[in-house]
Every structure is written in structure tokens, then in C-alpha cells.
Amino acid sequence: MAIRGYAGWPAFCHFHARLKSRVAADELFTQLDGTHVSVDGSDWRVEVFSVIDEPERRWLQIALDGGARRVLTIRLSQTEGARQIVRQISTWLVDPSSTRNVLQRVA
């Protein structure tokens, strides 16, 4: 279904900002695997184990290799991209209690 209208319709349409496209699981895997995250002077390399889709959510299983190894499972929406996930990881590294979507497992 195509939406047609005048060039200014996104500014006029209040729900446009909520419309997001789904990020394919294999694309997300490729974008994140090997990514480097720097937080408070520490560098971490992201190793993706899996991206698992369910009807209402997505699960991302990763390891962070840096000063120590961290193994995480992150609950996501299927519209969240690599940039948003890296922000969540960075936030979690600064304060692990700051997000409820990140579950840590002992490596």
C-alpha cells in the first residue's frame, strides 16, 4: 500500500514518527558483529551469538570482549537498529541497573 500526498505530509501527519520499518535479523547480526564500543576509557568488541525473533519482540545474544568478558541477552523491538542497540549497550556499561532490557549472564 502506497501513501500518496503532498510533499509536506510527514510534518502534517502526527503518527508518522511512530512508523518504523522492521530491521531484518541477519542484517542486524552483520551490522553489530565486530562493532567496537568505547565507554569511559574502556574499549569493547561486540560478538553476536544470535538474533531471535518472536511475534512481539526480538532477543539479541552477545558477548562484550574488553577488560573483562560480559555475556548479555537484550530484549528489543524488531525496529531497533544497530545504532540504537549500541546506545543501549553503552548505557548499560556505564550503569548496569539503568536498563531493564539487558540481562547479564556470567561468562
PDB file of N, CA and C in Angstrom:
ATOM      1  N   MET A   1       0.844  -1.179   0.000  1.00  0.00           N
ATOM      2  CA  MET A   1       0.000   0.000   0.000  1.00  0.00           C
ATOM      3  C   MET A   1       0.884   1.235   0.000  1.00  0.00           C
ATOM      4  N   ALA A   2       0.712   2.083  -0.951  1.00  0.00           N
ATOM      5  CA  ALA A   2       1.476   3.327  -1.036  1.00  0.00           C
ATOM      6  C   ALA A   2       0.655   4.466  -0.465  1.00  0.00           C
ATOM      7  N   ILE A   3       1.320   5.353   0.234  1.00  0.00           N
ATOM      8  CA  ILE A   3       0.668   6.552   0.761  1.00  0.00           C
ATOM      9  C   ILE A   3       1.079   7.702  -0.131  1.00  0.00           C
ATOM     10  N   ARG A   4       0.098   8.368  -0.671  1.00  0.00           N
ATOM     11  CA  ARG A   4       0.393   9.488  -1.558  1.00  0.00           C
ATOM     12  C   ARG A   4      -0.141  10.774  -0.937  1.00  0.00           C
ATOM     13  N   GLY A   5       0.529  11.856  -1.221  1.00  0.00           N
ATOM     14  CA  GLY A   5       0.095  13.136  -0.691  1.00  0.00           C
ATOM     15  C   GLY A   5       1.068  14.216  -1.110  1.00  0.00           C
ATOM     16  N   TYR A   6       0.891  15.387  -0.584  1.00  0.00           N
ATOM     17  CA  TYR A   6       1.789  16.465  -0.946  1.00  0.00           C
ATOM     18  C   TYR A   6       3.104  16.307  -0.200  1.00  0.00           C
ATOM     19  N   ALA A   7       4.126  17.023  -0.648  1.00  0.00           N
ATOM     20  CA  ALA A   7       5.492  16.844  -0.142  1.00  0.00           C
ATOM     21  C   ALA A   7       5.614  17.086   1.360  1.00  0.00           C
ATOM     22  N   GLY A   8       4.741  17.860   1.961  1.00  0.00           N
ATOM     23  CA  GLY A   8       4.858  18.189   3.378  1.00  0.00           C
ATOM     24  C   GLY A   8       4.093  17.274   4.299  1.00  0.00           C
ATOM     25  N   TRP A   9       3.593  16.153   3.802  1.00  0.00           N
ATOM     26  CA  TRP A   9       2.725  15.342   4.657  1.00  0.00           C
ATOM     27  C   TRP A   9       3.375  14.810   5.916  1.00  0.00           C
ATOM     28  N   PRO A  10       4.689  14.479   5.960  1.00  0.00           N
ATOM     29  CA  PRO A  10       5.224  13.977   7.225  1.00  0.00           C
ATOM     30  C   PRO A  10       5.128  14.983   8.369  1.00  0.00           C
ATOM     31  N   ALA A  11       5.328  16.269   8.088  1.00  0.00           N
ATOM     32  CA  ALA A  11       5.223  17.274   9.139  1.00  0.00           C
ATOM     33  C   ALA A  11       3.774  17.426   9.588  1.00  0.00           C
ATOM     34  N   PHE A  12       2.860  17.151   8.708  1.00  0.00           N
ATOM     35  CA  PHE A  12       1.447  17.301   8.980  1.00  0.00           C
ATOM     36  C   PHE A  12       0.893  16.074   9.702  1.00  0.00           C
ATOM     37  N   CYS A  13       1.478  14.934   9.473  1.00  0.00           N
ATOM     38  CA  CYS A  13       0.953  13.676   9.976  1.00  0.00           C
ATOM     39  C   CYS A  13       1.555  13.364  11.350  1.00  0.00           C
ATOM     40  N   HIS A  14       0.760  13.438  12.426  1.00  0.00           N
ATOM     41  CA  HIS A  14       1.282  13.282  13.778  1.00  0.00           C
ATOM     42  C   HIS A  14       1.776  11.878  14.088  1.00  0.00           C
ATOM     43  N   PHE A  15       1.318  10.853  13.401  1.00  0.00           N
ATOM     44  CA  PHE A  15       1.747   9.497  13.714  1.00  0.00           C
ATOM     45  C   PHE A  15       2.922   9.032  12.862  1.00  0.00           C
ATOM     46  N   HIS A  16       3.405   9.840  11.934  1.00  0.00           N
ATOM     47  CA  HIS A  16       4.485   9.437  11.051  1.00  0.00           C
ATOM     48  C   HIS A  16       5.744   9.035  11.830  1.00  0.00           C
ATOM     49  N   ALA A  17       6.067   9.724  12.913  1.00  0.00           N
ATOM     50  CA  ALA A  17       7.279   9.439  13.676  1.00  0.00           C
ATOM     51  C   ALA A  17       7.236   8.047  14.295  1.00  0.00           C
ATOM     52  N   ARG A  18       6.036   7.487  14.513  1.00  0.00           N
ATOM     53  CA  ARG A  18       5.917   6.170  15.112  1.00  0.00           C
ATOM     54  C   ARG A  18       6.043   5.041  14.091  1.00  0.00           C
ATOM     55  N   LEU A  19       5.984   5.366  12.815  1.00  0.00           N
ATOM     56  CA  LEU A  19       6.091   4.346  11.784  1.00  0.00           C
ATOM     57  C   LEU A  19       7.562   4.007  11.564  1.00  0.00           C
ATOM     58  N   LYS A  20       7.934   2.784  11.860  1.00  0.00           N
ATOM     59  CA  LYS A  20       9.310   2.352  11.679  1.00  0.00           C
ATOM     60  C   LYS A  20       9.286   1.036  10.920  1.00  0.00           C
ATOM     61  N   SER A  21      10.292   0.833  10.110  1.00  0.00           N
ATOM     62  CA  SER A  21      10.341  -0.421   9.375  1.00  0.00           C
ATOM     63  C   SER A  21      11.134  -1.451  10.174  1.00  0.00           C
ATOM     64  N   ARG A  22      10.819  -2.681   9.939  1.00  0.00           N
ATOM     65  CA  ARG A  22      11.463  -3.801  10.611  1.00  0.00           C
ATOM     66  C   ARG A  22      12.886  -3.970  10.081  1.00  0.00           C
ATOM     67  N   VAL A  23      13.831  -4.203  10.986  1.00  0.00           N
ATOM     68  CA  VAL A  23      15.217  -4.472  10.618  1.00  0.00           C
ATOM     69  C   VAL A  23      15.362  -5.993  10.556  1.00  0.00           C
ATOM     70  N   ALA A  24      15.828  -6.513   9.437  1.00  0.00           N
ATOM     71  CA  ALA A  24      15.985  -7.963   9.278  1.00  0.00           C
ATOM     72  C   ALA A  24      17.014  -8.489  10.278  1.00  0.00           C
ATOM     73  N   ALA A  25      16.754  -9.661  10.842  1.00  0.00           N
ATOM     74  CA  ALA A  25      17.633 -10.248  11.852  1.00  0.00           C
ATOM     75  C   ALA A  25      19.045 -10.470  11.317  1.00  0.00           C
ATOM     76  N   ASP A  26      19.166 -10.978  10.100  1.00  0.00           N
ATOM     77  CA  ASP A  26      20.504 -11.237   9.548  1.00  0.00           C
ATOM     78  C   ASP A  26      21.260  -9.933   9.273  1.00  0.00           C
ATOM     79  N   GLU A  27      20.535  -8.892   8.901  1.00  0.00           N
ATOM     80  CA  GLU A  27      21.154  -7.581   8.687  1.00  0.00           C
ATOM     81  C   GLU A  27      21.677  -7.017  10.008  1.00  0.00           C
ATOM     82  N   LEU A  28      20.865  -7.142  11.063  1.00  0.00           N
ATOM     83  CA  LEU A  28      21.269  -6.664  12.383  1.00  0.00           C
ATOM     84  C   LEU A  28      22.502  -7.424  12.871  1.00  0.00           C
ATOM     85  N   PHE A  29      22.520  -8.724  12.672  1.00  0.00           N
ATOM     86  CA  PHE A  29      23.663  -9.553  13.056  1.00  0.00           C
ATOM     87  C   PHE A  29      24.932  -9.024  12.389  1.00  0.00           C
ATOM     88  N   THR A  30      24.857  -8.807  11.083  1.00  0.00           N
ATOM     89  CA  THR A  30      26.009  -8.337  10.316  1.00  0.00           C
ATOM     90  C   THR A  30      26.463  -6.948  10.759  1.00  0.00           C
ATOM     91  N   GLN A  31      25.512  -6.064  11.025  1.00  0.00           N
ATOM     92  CA  GLN A  31      25.854  -4.696  11.428  1.00  0.00           C
ATOM     93  C   GLN A  31      26.526  -4.644  12.797  1.00  0.00           C
ATOM     94  N   LEU A  32      26.114  -5.514  13.712  1.00  0.00           N
ATOM     95  CA  LEU A  32      26.629  -5.449  15.085  1.00  0.00           C
ATOM     96  C   LEU A  32      27.885  -6.275  15.323  1.00  0.00           C
ATOM     97  N   ASP A  33      28.000  -7.428  14.687  1.00  0.00           N
ATOM     98  CA  ASP A  33      29.109  -8.331  14.957  1.00  0.00           C
ATOM     99  C   ASP A  33      30.438  -7.663  14.610  1.00  0.00           C
ATOM    100  N   GLY A  34      31.323  -7.580  15.598  1.00  0.00           N
ATOM    101  CA  GLY A  34      32.622  -6.951  15.391  1.00  0.00           C
ATOM    102  C   GLY A  34      32.649  -5.460  15.676  1.00  0.00           C
ATOM    103  N   THR A  35      31.511  -4.888  16.012  1.00  0.00           N
ATOM    104  CA  THR A  35      31.440  -3.465  16.340  1.00  0.00           C
ATOM    105  C   THR A  35      32.248  -3.178  17.599  1.00  0.00           C
ATOM    106  N   HIS A  36      32.882  -2.021  17.642  1.00  0.00           N
ATOM    107  CA  HIS A  36      33.630  -1.599  18.825  1.00  0.00           C
ATOM    108  C   HIS A  36      32.857  -0.513  19.555  1.00  0.00           C
ATOM    109  N   VAL A  37      32.800  -0.636  20.868  1.00  0.00           N
ATOM    110  CA  VAL A  37      32.109   0.320  21.726  1.00  0.00           C
ATOM    111  C   VAL A  37      33.123   0.831  22.735  1.00  0.00           C
ATOM    112  N   SER A  38      33.233   2.148  22.862  1.00  0.00           N
ATOM    113  CA  SER A  38      34.138   2.766  23.836  1.00  0.00           C
ATOM    114  C   SER A  38      33.322   3.510  24.874  1.00  0.00           C
ATOM    115  N   VAL A  39      33.567   3.174  26.146  1.00  0.00           N
ATOM    116  CA  VAL A  39      32.844   3.802  27.245  1.00  0.00           C
ATOM    117  C   VAL A  39      33.812   4.056  28.389  1.00  0.00           C
ATOM    118  N   ASP A  40      33.871   5.285  28.844  1.00  0.00           N
ATOM    119  CA  ASP A  40      34.704   5.665  29.996  1.00  0.00           C
ATOM    120  C   ASP A  40      36.138   5.147  29.880  1.00  0.00           C
ATOM    121  N   GLY A  41      36.728   5.270  28.706  1.00  0.00           N
ATOM    122  CA  GLY A  41      38.114   4.866  28.507  1.00  0.00           C
ATOM    123  C   GLY A  41      38.339   3.384  28.283  1.00  0.00           C
ATOM    124  N   SER A  42      37.276   2.595  28.278  1.00  0.00           N
ATOM    125  CA  SER A  42      37.383   1.157  28.022  1.00  0.00           C
ATOM    126  C   SER A  42      36.816   0.843  26.648  1.00  0.00           C
ATOM    127  N   ASP A  43      37.488  -0.044  25.940  1.00  0.00           N
ATOM    128  CA  ASP A  43      37.034  -0.464  24.614  1.00  0.00           C
ATOM    129  C   ASP A  43      36.484  -1.878  24.687  1.00  0.00           C
ATOM    130  N   TRP A  44      35.354  -2.090  24.014  1.00  0.00           N
ATOM    131  CA  TRP A  44      34.678  -3.380  23.992  1.00  0.00           C
ATOM    132  C   TRP A  44      34.399  -3.771  22.548  1.00  0.00           C
ATOM    133  N   ARG A  45      34.552  -5.034  22.246  1.00  0.00           N
ATOM    134  CA  ARG A  45      34.221  -5.567  20.921  1.00  0.00           C
ATOM    135  C   ARG A  45      32.976  -6.428  21.074  1.00  0.00           C
ATOM    136  N   VAL A  46      31.986  -6.196  20.197  1.00  0.00           N
ATOM    137  CA  VAL A  46      30.726  -6.936  20.243  1.00  0.00           C
ATOM    138  C   VAL A  46      30.852  -8.208  19.406  1.00  0.00           C
ATOM    139  N   GLU A  47      30.528  -9.331  20.029  1.00  0.00           N
ATOM    140  CA  GLU A  47      30.454 -10.609  19.331  1.00  0.00           C
ATOM    141  C   GLU A  47      29.008 -11.080  19.406  1.00  0.00           C
ATOM    142  N   VAL A  48      28.347 -11.181  18.263  1.00  0.00           N
ATOM    143  CA  VAL A  48      26.941 -11.576  18.238  1.00  0.00           C
ATOM    144  C   VAL A  48      26.849 -13.095  18.156  1.00  0.00           C
ATOM    145  N   PHE A  49      26.068 -13.673  19.075  1.00  0.00           N
ATOM    146  CA  PHE A  49      25.810 -15.110  19.044  1.00  0.00           C
ATOM    147  C   PHE A  49      24.555 -15.407  18.229  1.00  0.00           C
ATOM    148  N   SER A  50      23.485 -14.648  18.505  1.00  0.00           N
ATOM    149  CA  SER A  50      22.233 -14.913  17.789  1.00  0.00           C
ATOM    150  C   SER A  50      21.280 -13.730  17.879  1.00  0.00           C
ATOM    151  N   VAL A  51      20.374 -13.687  16.908  1.00  0.00           N
ATOM    152  CA  VAL A  51      19.259 -12.743  16.889  1.00  0.00           C
ATOM    153  C   VAL A  51      18.019 -13.606  16.718  1.00  0.00           C
ATOM    154  N   ILE A  52      17.131 -13.599  17.704  1.00  0.00           N
ATOM    155  CA  ILE A  52      15.968 -14.481  17.714  1.00  0.00           C
ATOM    156  C   ILE A  52      14.699 -13.636  17.675  1.00  0.00           C
ATOM    157  N   ASP A  53      13.873 -13.872  16.673  1.00  0.00           N
ATOM    158  CA  ASP A  53      12.621 -13.136  16.536  1.00  0.00           C
ATOM    159  C   ASP A  53      11.458 -13.927  17.107  1.00  0.00           C
ATOM    160  N   GLU A  54      10.608 -13.221  17.840  1.00  0.00           N
ATOM    161  CA  GLU A  54       9.320 -13.718  18.309  1.00  0.00           C
ATOM    162  C   GLU A  54       8.276 -12.770  17.748  1.00  0.00           C
ATOM    163  N   PRO A  55       7.007 -13.123  17.820  1.00  0.00           N
ATOM    164  CA  PRO A  55       5.984 -12.241  17.235  1.00  0.00           C
ATOM    165  C   PRO A  55       5.990 -10.805  17.771  1.00  0.00           C
ATOM    166  N   GLU A  56       6.241 -10.608  19.045  1.00  0.00           N
ATOM    167  CA  GLU A  56       6.146  -9.277  19.634  1.00  0.00           C
ATOM    168  C   GLU A  56       7.485  -8.649  20.002  1.00  0.00           C
ATOM    169  N   ARG A  57       8.576  -9.413  19.905  1.00  0.00           N
ATOM    170  CA  ARG A  57       9.868  -8.870  20.324  1.00  0.00           C
ATOM    171  C   ARG A  57      10.994  -9.626  19.648  1.00  0.00           C
ATOM    172  N   ARG A  58      12.191  -9.167  19.906  1.00  0.00           N
ATOM    173  CA  ARG A  58      13.414  -9.791  19.388  1.00  0.00           C
ATOM    174  C   ARG A  58      14.388  -9.924  20.557  1.00  0.00           C
ATOM    175  N   TRP A  59      15.163 -10.995  20.550  1.00  0.00           N
ATOM    176  CA  TRP A  59      16.200 -11.224  21.547  1.00  0.00           C
ATOM    177  C   TRP A  59      17.546 -11.234  20.849  1.00  0.00           C
ATOM    178  N   LEU A  60      18.508 -10.531  21.417  1.00  0.00           N
ATOM    179  CA  LEU A  60      19.859 -10.459  20.885  1.00  0.00           C
ATOM    180  C   LEU A  60      20.799 -11.025  21.937  1.00  0.00           C
ATOM    181  N   GLN A  61      21.584 -12.021  21.565  1.00  0.00           N
ATOM    182  CA  GLN A  61      22.556 -12.614  22.481  1.00  0.00           C
ATOM    183  C   GLN A  61      23.949 -12.224  22.008  1.00  0.00           C
ATOM    184  N   ILE A  62      24.696 -11.570  22.900  1.00  0.00           N
ATOM    185  CA  ILE A  62      26.022 -11.063  22.533  1.00  0.00           C
ATOM    186  C   ILE A  62      27.033 -11.304  23.654  1.00  0.00           C
ATOM    187  N   ALA A  63      28.290 -11.177  23.292  1.00  0.00           N
ATOM    188  CA  ALA A  63      29.370 -11.087  24.272  1.00  0.00           C
ATOM    189  C   ALA A  63      30.069  -9.759  24.026  1.00  0.00           C
ATOM    190  N   LEU A  64      30.532  -9.159  25.087  1.00  0.00           N
ATOM    191  CA  LEU A  64      31.351  -7.954  25.016  1.00  0.00           C
ATOM    192  C   LEU A  64      32.735  -8.340  25.502  1.00  0.00           C
ATOM    193  N   ASP A  65      33.718  -8.212  24.630  1.00  0.00           N
ATOM    194  CA  ASP A  65      35.098  -8.525  24.987  1.00  0.00           C
ATOM    195  C   ASP A  65      35.856  -7.227  25.169  1.00  0.00           C
ATOM    196  N   GLY A  66      36.383  -7.040  26.367  1.00  0.00           N
ATOM    197  CA  GLY A  66      37.142  -5.832  26.681  1.00  0.00           C
ATOM    198  C   GLY A  66      38.007  -6.121  27.877  1.00  0.00           C
ATOM    199  N   GLY A  67      37.929  -5.269  28.900  1.00  0.00           N
ATOM    200  CA  GLY A  67      38.681  -5.513  30.119  1.00  0.00           C
ATOM    201  C   GLY A  67      38.287  -6.831  30.762  1.00  0.00           C
ATOM    202  N   ALA A  68      37.049  -7.196  30.616  1.00  0.00           N
ATOM    203  CA  ALA A  68      36.508  -8.476  31.075  1.00  0.00           C
ATOM    204  C   ALA A  68      35.484  -8.905  30.023  1.00  0.00           C
ATOM    205  N   ARG A  69      35.080 -10.135  30.064  1.00  0.00           N
ATOM    206  CA  ARG A  69      34.086 -10.620  29.103  1.00  0.00           C
ATOM    207  C   ARG A  69      32.716 -10.569  29.758  1.00  0.00           C
ATOM    208  N   ARG A  70      31.774  -9.994  29.059  1.00  0.00           N
ATOM    209  CA  ARG A  70      30.385  -9.921  29.513  1.00  0.00           C
ATOM    210  C   ARG A  70      29.512 -10.621  28.481  1.00  0.00           C
ATOM    211  N   VAL A  71      28.597 -11.440  28.937  1.00  0.00           N
ATOM    212  CA  VAL A  71      27.649 -12.106  28.050  1.00  0.00           C
ATOM    213  C   VAL A  71      26.266 -11.562  28.379  1.00  0.00           C
ATOM    214  N   LEU A  72      25.585 -11.038  27.362  1.00  0.00           N
ATOM    215  CA  LEU A  72      24.304 -10.366  27.569  1.00  0.00           C
ATOM    216  C   LEU A  72      23.231 -10.913  26.649  1.00  0.00           C
ATOM    217  N   THR A  73      22.006 -10.828  27.115  1.00  0.00           N
ATOM    218  CA  THR A  73      20.831 -11.026  26.286  1.00  0.00           C
ATOM    219  C   THR A  73      20.053  -9.724  26.368  1.00  0.00           C
ATOM    220  N   ILE A  74      19.683  -9.195  25.210  1.00  0.00           N
ATOM    221  CA  ILE A  74      18.997  -7.901  25.162  1.00  0.00           C
ATOM    222  C   ILE A  74      17.635  -8.088  24.512  1.00  0.00           C
ATOM    223  N   ARG A  75      16.599  -7.577  25.168  1.00  0.00           N
ATOM    224  CA  ARG A  75      15.239  -7.612  24.631  1.00  0.00           C
ATOM    225  C   ARG A  75      15.032  -6.349  23.799  1.00  0.00           C
ATOM    226  N   LEU A  76      14.570  -6.527  22.558  1.00  0.00           N
ATOM    227  CA  LEU A  76      14.436  -5.420  21.615  1.00  0.00           C
ATOM    228  C   LEU A  76      13.096  -5.461  20.905  1.00  0.00           C
ATOM    229  N   SER A  77      12.782  -4.353  20.251  1.00  0.00           N
ATOM    230  CA  SER A  77      11.706  -4.379  19.264  1.00  0.00           C
ATOM    231  C   SER A  77      12.356  -4.722  17.928  1.00  0.00           C
ATOM    232  N   GLN A  78      11.580  -5.175  16.991  1.00  0.00           N
ATOM    233  CA  GLN A  78      12.126  -5.570  15.697  1.00  0.00           C
ATOM    234  C   GLN A  78      12.446  -4.375  14.811  1.00  0.00           C
ATOM    235  N   THR A  79      12.183  -3.170  15.301  1.00  0.00           N
ATOM    236  CA  THR A  79      12.506  -1.966  14.531  1.00  0.00           C
ATOM    237  C   THR A  79      13.789  -1.297  15.014  1.00  0.00           C
ATOM    238  N   GLU A  80      14.368  -1.785  16.093  1.00  0.00           N
ATOM    239  CA  GLU A  80      15.595  -1.176  16.610  1.00  0.00           C
ATOM    240  C   GLU A  80      16.784  -1.594  15.756  1.00  0.00           C
ATOM    241  N   GLY A  81      17.577  -0.610  15.372  1.00  0.00           N
ATOM    242  CA  GLY A  81      18.743  -0.851  14.547  1.00  0.00           C
ATOM    243  C   GLY A  81      20.022  -0.873  15.363  1.00  0.00           C
ATOM    244  N   ALA A  82      21.131  -1.087  14.672  1.00  0.00           N
ATOM    245  CA  ALA A  82      22.434  -1.219  15.323  1.00  0.00           C
ATOM    246  C   ALA A  82      22.787   0.012  16.157  1.00  0.00           C
ATOM    247  N   ARG A  83      22.523   1.181  15.645  1.00  0.00           N
ATOM    248  CA  ARG A  83      22.871   2.418  16.368  1.00  0.00           C
ATOM    249  C   ARG A  83      22.140   2.497  17.710  1.00  0.00           C
ATOM    250  N   GLN A  84      20.862   2.162  17.722  1.00  0.00           N
ATOM    251  CA  GLN A  84      20.090   2.194  18.964  1.00  0.00           C
ATOM    252  C   GLN A  84      20.589   1.142  19.952  1.00  0.00           C
ATOM    253  N   ILE A  85      20.969  -0.011  19.437  1.00  0.00           N
ATOM    254  CA  ILE A  85      21.445  -1.084  20.301  1.00  0.00           C
ATOM    255  C   ILE A  85      22.802  -0.725  20.904  1.00  0.00           C
ATOM    256  N   VAL A  86      23.678  -0.127  20.120  1.00  0.00           N
ATOM    257  CA  VAL A  86      24.978   0.298  20.642  1.00  0.00           C
ATOM    258  C   VAL A  86      24.773   1.324  21.753  1.00  0.00           C
ATOM    259  N   ARG A  87      23.792   2.210  21.602  1.00  0.00           N
ATOM    260  CA  ARG A  87      23.475   3.173  22.669  1.00  0.00           C
ATOM    261  C   ARG A  87      23.033   2.450  23.939  1.00  0.00           C
ATOM    262  N   GLN A  88      22.180   1.411  23.778  1.00  0.00           N
ATOM    263  CA  GLN A  88      21.736   0.638  24.946  1.00  0.00           C
ATOM    264  C   GLN A  88      22.907  -0.057  25.628  1.00  0.00           C
ATOM    265  N   ILE A  89      23.807  -0.630  24.828  1.00  0.00           N
ATOM    266  CA  ILE A  89      24.981  -1.300  25.380  1.00  0.00           C
ATOM    267  C   ILE A  89      25.851  -0.296  26.131  1.00  0.00           C
ATOM    268  N   SER A  90      26.082   0.857  25.535  1.00  0.00           N
ATOM    269  CA  SER A  90      26.893   1.899  26.174  1.00  0.00           C
ATOM    270  C   SER A  90      26.276   2.339  27.487  1.00  0.00           C
ATOM    271  N   THR A  91      24.978   2.545  27.489  1.00  0.00           N
ATOM    272  CA  THR A  91      24.267   2.946  28.707  1.00  0.00           C
ATOM    273  C   THR A  91      24.405   1.875  29.774  1.00  0.00           C
ATOM    274  N   TRP A  92      24.257   0.627  29.370  1.00  0.00           N
ATOM    275  CA  TRP A  92      24.381  -0.478  30.314  1.00  0.00           C
ATOM    276  C   TRP A  92      25.800  -0.572  30.884  1.00  0.00           C
ATOM    277  N   LEU A  93      26.812  -0.371  30.048  1.00  0.00           N
ATOM    278  CA  LEU A  93      28.193  -0.427  30.531  1.00  0.00           C
ATOM    279  C   LEU A  93      28.481   0.648  31.571  1.00  0.00           C
ATOM    280  N   VAL A  94      27.877   1.815  31.421  1.00  0.00           N
ATOM    281  CA  VAL A  94      28.058   2.893  32.391  1.00  0.00           C
ATOM    282  C   VAL A  94      27.322   2.568  33.688  1.00  0.00           C
ATOM    283  N   ASP A  95      26.088   2.059  33.560  1.00  0.00           N
ATOM    284  CA  ASP A  95      25.262   1.754  34.732  1.00  0.00           C
ATOM    285  C   ASP A  95      24.377   0.554  34.428  1.00  0.00           C
ATOM    286  N   PRO A  96      24.792  -0.647  34.832  1.00  0.00           N
ATOM    287  CA  PRO A  96      24.028  -1.853  34.518  1.00  0.00           C
ATOM    288  C   PRO A  96      22.584  -1.858  35.035  1.00  0.00           C
ATOM    289  N   SER A  97      22.282  -1.056  36.025  1.00  0.00           N
ATOM    290  CA  SER A  97      20.907  -1.013  36.535  1.00  0.00           C
ATOM    291  C   SER A  97      20.028  -0.032  35.763  1.00  0.00           C
ATOM    292  N   SER A  98      20.598   0.643  34.758  1.00  0.00           N
ATOM    293  CA  SER A  98      19.877   1.704  34.061  1.00  0.00           C
ATOM    294  C   SER A  98      18.881   1.202  33.021  1.00  0.00           C
ATOM    295  N   THR A  99      18.962  -0.031  32.614  1.00  0.00           N
ATOM    296  CA  THR A  99      18.039  -0.536  31.604  1.00  0.00           C
ATOM    297  C   THR A  99      17.513  -1.900  32.001  1.00  0.00           C
ATOM    298  N   ARG A 100      16.217  -2.097  31.803  1.00  0.00           N
ATOM    299  CA  ARG A 100      15.587  -3.372  32.134  1.00  0.00           C
ATOM    300  C   ARG A 100      15.634  -4.344  30.962  1.00  0.00           C
ATOM    301  N   ASN A 101      16.051  -3.874  29.789  1.00  0.00           N
ATOM    302  CA  ASN A 101      16.057  -4.720  28.600  1.00  0.00           C
ATOM    303  C   ASN A 101      17.327  -5.554  28.455  1.00  0.00           C
ATOM    304  N   VAL A 102      18.304  -5.339  29.337  1.00  0.00           N
ATOM    305  CA  VAL A 102      19.571  -6.070  29.238  1.00  0.00           C
ATOM    306  C   VAL A 102      19.667  -7.045  30.393  1.00  0.00           C
ATOM    307  N   LEU A 103      19.845  -8.306  30.047  1.00  0.00           N
ATOM    308  CA  LEU A 103      20.025  -9.346  31.053  1.00  0.00           C
ATOM    309  C   LEU A 103      21.464  -9.836  30.960  1.00  0.00           C
ATOM    310  N   GLN A 104      22.159  -9.863  32.085  1.00  0.00           N
ATOM    311  CA  GLN A 104      23.573 -10.290  32.061  1.00  0.00           C
ATOM    312  C   GLN A 104      23.667 -11.725  32.554  1.00  0.00           C
ATOM    313  N   ARG A 105      24.522 -12.473  31.846  1.00  0.00           N
ATOM    314  CA  ARG A 105      24.841 -13.821  32.268  1.00  0.00           C
ATOM    315  C   ARG A 105      26.322 -13.882  32.596  1.00  0.00           C
ATOM    316  N   VAL A 106      26.667 -14.717  33.524  1.00  0.00           N
ATOM    317  CA  VAL A 106      28.078 -14.869  33.893  1.00  0.00           C
ATOM    318  C   VAL A 106      28.779 -15.654  32.807  1.00  0.00           C
ATOM    319  N   ALA A 107      29.928 -15.135  32.357  1.00  0.00           N
ATOM    320  CA  ALA A 107      30.678 -15.814  31.291  1.00  0.00           C
ATOM    321  C   ALA A 107      31.629 -16.829  31.877  1.00  0.00           C
TER     322      ALA A 107
END
